C-alpha cells in the first residue's frame, strides 16, 4: 500500500509505503491535547517506508518524560503529521493528513481508554484496551 499526504498549508508532503501494522483510535490524554479533545485516529506504518517528499518537519520531544515520543509537525500551519516512539519500528501516522483519508477504512481497536472522556464514541463491537494491547 502507498499512502500520500501532507500538512494543511501544503509545505510538508510525505509518502508512506507498506502494510499498516495497526489501525486504531487513541484516547490518551496526550492525544487529546494534539487533537483538541477528540480521540486520535492513526495507523502504524513501517518506519522504513515513510519519507518526506517535500519540506522538513519541526520536531517536539518533552524533556521531562522517561521515554518521550517525538512529534513531527509543520512549523508554519501546525499540522501534526506523525509521532515516533522510541524502539517502535513504525511511525504513528495521523489519518487527517492523508490525501485520501477513506483509505484508512476505520479504526480496528481503541487504546488508552483509561483516559477516555464521556463524549468520546467507541463503536460497541470494537476491542478496547485501557493501555496498549498485549504484544503477540
C-alpha atoms as a PDB file:
ATOM      1  CA  UNK A   1       0.000   0.000   0.000  1.00  0.00           C
ATOM      2  CA  UNK A   2       1.219   3.505  -0.809  1.00  0.00           C
ATOM      3  CA  UNK A   3      -0.246   6.474   1.004  1.00  0.00           C
ATOM      4  CA  UNK A   4       0.465  10.138   0.403  1.00  0.00           C
ATOM      5  CA  UNK A   5      -0.413  13.176   2.420  1.00  0.00           C
ATOM      6  CA  UNK A   6       0.733  16.401   3.949  1.00  0.00           C
ATOM      7  CA  UNK A   7       0.004  19.351   6.149  1.00  0.00           C
ATOM      8  CA  UNK A   8      -2.810  21.884   5.917  1.00  0.00           C
ATOM      9  CA  UNK A   9      -0.740  24.597   4.197  1.00  0.00           C
ATOM     10  CA  UNK A  10       0.952  22.150   1.802  1.00  0.00           C
ATOM     11  CA  UNK A  11       4.585  22.866   2.716  1.00  0.00           C
ATOM     12  CA  UNK A  12       5.151  19.340   4.106  1.00  0.00           C
ATOM     13  CA  UNK A  13       4.391  16.291   1.970  1.00  0.00           C
ATOM     14  CA  UNK A  14       5.071  12.613   2.678  1.00  0.00           C
ATOM     15  CA  UNK A  15       4.792   9.104   1.262  1.00  0.00           C
ATOM     16  CA  UNK A  16       4.157   6.046   3.438  1.00  0.00           C
ATOM     17  CA  UNK A  17       4.665   2.611   1.900  1.00  0.00           C
ATOM     18  CA  UNK A  18       3.960  -0.799   3.401  1.00  0.00           C
ATOM     19  CA  UNK A  19       1.137  -2.541   5.168  1.00  0.00           C
ATOM     20  CA  UNK A  20      -0.462  -0.898   8.192  1.00  0.00           C
ATOM     21  CA  UNK A  21       0.605  -2.616  11.421  1.00  0.00           C
ATOM     22  CA  UNK A  22      -2.330  -1.183  13.401  1.00  0.00           C
ATOM     23  CA  UNK A  23      -5.393   0.973  12.717  1.00  0.00           C
ATOM     24  CA  UNK A  24      -6.741   2.494  15.905  1.00  0.00           C
ATOM     25  CA  UNK A  25      -8.148   5.378  17.853  1.00  0.00           C
ATOM     26  CA  UNK A  26      -6.183   6.587  20.860  1.00  0.00           C
ATOM     27  CA  UNK A  27      -7.894   8.174  23.844  1.00  0.00           C
ATOM     28  CA  UNK A  28      -4.762   9.047  25.865  1.00  0.00           C
ATOM     29  CA  UNK A  29      -4.618  12.485  27.423  1.00  0.00           C
ATOM     30  CA  UNK A  30      -1.621  13.443  25.282  1.00  0.00           C
ATOM     31  CA  UNK A  31      -3.535  12.723  22.063  1.00  0.00           C
ATOM     32  CA  UNK A  32      -6.449  14.764  23.374  1.00  0.00           C
ATOM     33  CA  UNK A  33      -4.102  17.759  23.576  1.00  0.00           C
ATOM     34  CA  UNK A  34      -2.933  17.208  19.988  1.00  0.00           C
ATOM     35  CA  UNK A  35      -6.446  16.757  18.549  1.00  0.00           C
ATOM     36  CA  UNK A  36      -8.167  19.475  20.536  1.00  0.00           C
ATOM     37  CA  UNK A  37     -10.118  16.986  22.656  1.00  0.00           C
ATOM     38  CA  UNK A  38     -11.119  14.095  20.390  1.00  0.00           C
ATOM     39  CA  UNK A  39      -9.535  10.652  20.169  1.00  0.00           C
ATOM     40  CA  UNK A  40      -6.639  10.478  17.732  1.00  0.00           C
ATOM     41  CA  UNK A  41      -7.176   8.325  14.623  1.00  0.00           C
ATOM     42  CA  UNK A  42      -3.946   6.770  13.378  1.00  0.00           C
ATOM     43  CA  UNK A  43      -2.215   3.969  11.513  1.00  0.00           C
ATOM     44  CA  UNK A  44       1.112   2.433  12.419  1.00  0.00           C
ATOM     45  CA  UNK A  45       3.133   2.330   9.206  1.00  0.00           C
ATOM     46  CA  UNK A  46       6.621   0.807   8.762  1.00  0.00           C
ATOM     47  CA  UNK A  47       9.240   3.464   9.565  1.00  0.00           C
ATOM     48  CA  UNK A  48      11.483   2.387   6.679  1.00  0.00           C
ATOM     49  CA  UNK A  49       8.614   3.059   4.231  1.00  0.00           C
ATOM     50  CA  UNK A  50       7.971   6.607   5.451  1.00  0.00           C
ATOM     51  CA  UNK A  51       9.663   9.658   3.939  1.00  0.00           C
ATOM     52  CA  UNK A  52       9.037  13.345   3.463  1.00  0.00           C
ATOM     53  CA  UNK A  53       8.830  14.244  -0.221  1.00  0.00           C
ATOM     54  CA  UNK A  54       8.888  17.993   0.372  1.00  0.00           C
ATOM     55  CA  UNK A  55       9.697  20.174   3.331  1.00  0.00           C
ATOM     56  CA  UNK A  56      11.240  19.353   6.691  1.00  0.00           C
ATOM     57  CA  UNK A  57       9.127  18.966   9.827  1.00  0.00           C
ATOM     58  CA  UNK A  58       9.654  20.671  13.132  1.00  0.00           C
ATOM     59  CA  UNK A  59      10.056  18.178  15.990  1.00  0.00           C
ATOM     60  CA  UNK A  60       8.980  18.297  19.603  1.00  0.00           C
ATOM     61  CA  UNK A  61      10.083  15.905  22.364  1.00  0.00           C
ATOM     62  CA  UNK A  62       9.225  16.514  26.010  1.00  0.00           C
ATOM     63  CA  UNK A  63      12.339  16.595  28.151  1.00  0.00           C
ATOM     64  CA  UNK A  64      10.637  15.669  31.419  1.00  0.00           C
ATOM     65  CA  UNK A  65       9.499  12.147  30.491  1.00  0.00           C
ATOM     66  CA  UNK A  66      11.445   8.902  30.810  1.00  0.00           C
ATOM     67  CA  UNK A  67      10.656   7.642  27.277  1.00  0.00           C
ATOM     68  CA  UNK A  68       9.140  10.583  25.421  1.00  0.00           C
ATOM     69  CA  UNK A  69       7.778  10.350  21.906  1.00  0.00           C
ATOM     70  CA  UNK A  70       8.849  12.770  19.181  1.00  0.00           C
ATOM     71  CA  UNK A  71       6.045  14.575  17.385  1.00  0.00           C
ATOM     72  CA  UNK A  72       6.644  15.907  13.873  1.00  0.00           C
ATOM     73  CA  UNK A  73       4.588  18.808  12.606  1.00  0.00           C
ATOM     74  CA  UNK A  74       4.550  21.723  10.183  1.00  0.00           C
ATOM     75  CA  UNK A  75       6.231  24.799  11.653  1.00  0.00           C
ATOM     76  CA  UNK A  76       4.022  27.056   9.508  1.00  0.00           C
ATOM     77  CA  UNK A  77       0.463  25.714   9.922  1.00  0.00           C
ATOM     78  CA  UNK A  78       0.978  23.466  12.978  1.00  0.00           C
ATOM     79  CA  UNK A  79      -0.411  20.255  11.445  1.00  0.00           C
ATOM     80  CA  UNK A  80       0.772  17.195  13.401  1.00  0.00           C
ATOM     81  CA  UNK A  81       1.714  14.507  10.849  1.00  0.00           C
ATOM     82  CA  UNK A  82       3.459  11.671  12.680  1.00  0.00           C
ATOM     83  CA  UNK A  83       4.755  10.531  16.042  1.00  0.00           C
ATOM     84  CA  UNK A  84       7.923   8.473  16.529  1.00  0.00           C
ATOM     85  CA  UNK A  85       8.094   6.306  19.639  1.00  0.00           C
ATOM     86  CA  UNK A  86      11.486   5.028  20.903  1.00  0.00           C
ATOM     87  CA  UNK A  87      12.032   1.383  19.976  1.00  0.00           C
ATOM     88  CA  UNK A  88       8.990   1.191  17.679  1.00  0.00           C
ATOM     89  CA  UNK A  89       9.871   0.275  14.061  1.00  0.00           C
ATOM     90  CA  UNK A  90       6.858   2.243  12.851  1.00  0.00           C
ATOM     91  CA  UNK A  91       5.587   5.790  12.583  1.00  0.00           C
ATOM     92  CA  UNK A  92       2.244   6.783  14.060  1.00  0.00           C
ATOM     93  CA  UNK A  93       0.619   8.366  11.010  1.00  0.00           C
ATOM     94  CA  UNK A  94      -2.252  10.810  11.641  1.00  0.00           C
ATOM     95  CA  UNK A  95      -5.266   9.986   9.451  1.00  0.00           C
ATOM     96  CA  UNK A  96      -6.359  13.586   8.930  1.00  0.00           C
ATOM     97  CA  UNK A  97      -3.155  14.256   6.969  1.00  0.00           C
ATOM     98  CA  UNK A  98      -3.848  11.627   4.274  1.00  0.00           C
ATOM     99  CA  UNK A  99      -4.772  12.862   0.799  1.00  0.00           C
ATOM    100  CA  UNK A 100      -7.392  10.104   0.794  1.00  0.00           C
ATOM    101  CA  UNK A 101      -8.496   9.545   4.414  1.00  0.00           C
ATOM    102  CA  UNK A 102     -11.028   6.921   3.247  1.00  0.00           C
ATOM    103  CA  UNK A 103      -8.065   4.552   2.664  1.00  0.00           C
ATOM    104  CA  UNK A 104      -7.871   4.280   6.469  1.00  0.00           C
ATOM    105  CA  UNK A 105     -11.087   2.273   6.474  1.00  0.00           C
ATOM    106  CA  UNK A 106     -11.752   2.988  10.130  1.00  0.00           C
ATOM    107  CA  UNK A 107     -10.129   2.007  13.423  1.00  0.00           C
ATOM    108  CA  UNK A 108      -9.966  -1.656  14.464  1.00  0.00           C
ATOM    109  CA  UNK A 109      -9.387  -1.029  18.183  1.00  0.00           C
ATOM    110  CA  UNK A 110      -9.415   1.686  20.835  1.00  0.00           C
ATOM    111  CA  UNK A 111      -6.376   2.207  23.062  1.00  0.00           C
ATOM    112  CA  UNK A 112      -5.706   4.132  26.280  1.00  0.00           C
ATOM    113  CA  UNK A 113      -9.398   4.100  27.138  1.00  0.00           C
ATOM    114  CA  UNK A 114      -8.417   4.762  30.775  1.00  0.00           C
ATOM    115  CA  UNK A 115      -8.213   8.442  29.692  1.00  0.00           C
ATOM    116  CA  UNK A 116     -11.396   8.365  27.576  1.00  0.00           C
ATOM    117  CA  UNK A 117     -13.820  11.255  28.006  1.00  0.00           C
ATOM    118  CA  UNK A 118     -17.561  10.603  28.313  1.00  0.00           C
ATOM    119  CA  UNK A 119     -18.133  12.302  24.949  1.00  0.00           C
ATOM    120  CA  UNK A 120     -15.689  10.016  23.088  1.00  0.00           C
ATOM    121  CA  UNK A 121     -17.508   7.440  20.971  1.00  0.00           C
ATOM    122  CA  UNK A 122     -16.218   3.874  20.674  1.00  0.00           C
ATOM    123  CA  UNK A 123     -18.249   1.509  18.463  1.00  0.00           C
ATOM    124  CA  UNK A 124     -19.850  -1.277  20.555  1.00  0.00           C
ATOM    125  CA  UNK A 125     -18.051  -4.235  18.975  1.00  0.00           C
ATOM    126  CA  UNK A 126     -14.609  -2.604  18.845  1.00  0.00           C
ATOM    127  CA  UNK A 127     -11.932  -4.150  21.101  1.00  0.00           C
ATOM    128  CA  UNK A 128     -10.870  -1.718  23.825  1.00  0.00           C
ATOM    129  CA  UNK A 129      -7.707  -1.558  25.895  1.00  0.00           C
ATOM    130  CA  UNK A 130      -7.002   0.612  28.950  1.00  0.00           C
ATOM    131  CA  UNK A 131      -3.429   0.988  27.673  1.00  0.00           C
ATOM    132  CA  UNK A 132      -1.664  -0.699  24.789  1.00  0.00           C
ATOM    133  CA  UNK A 133      -2.910  -4.103  23.596  1.00  0.00           C
ATOM    134  CA  UNK A 134      -0.777  -7.113  24.570  1.00  0.00           C
ATOM    135  CA  UNK A 135       2.034  -7.909  22.133  1.00  0.00           C
ATOM    136  CA  UNK A 136       1.600 -11.051  20.093  1.00  0.00           C
END
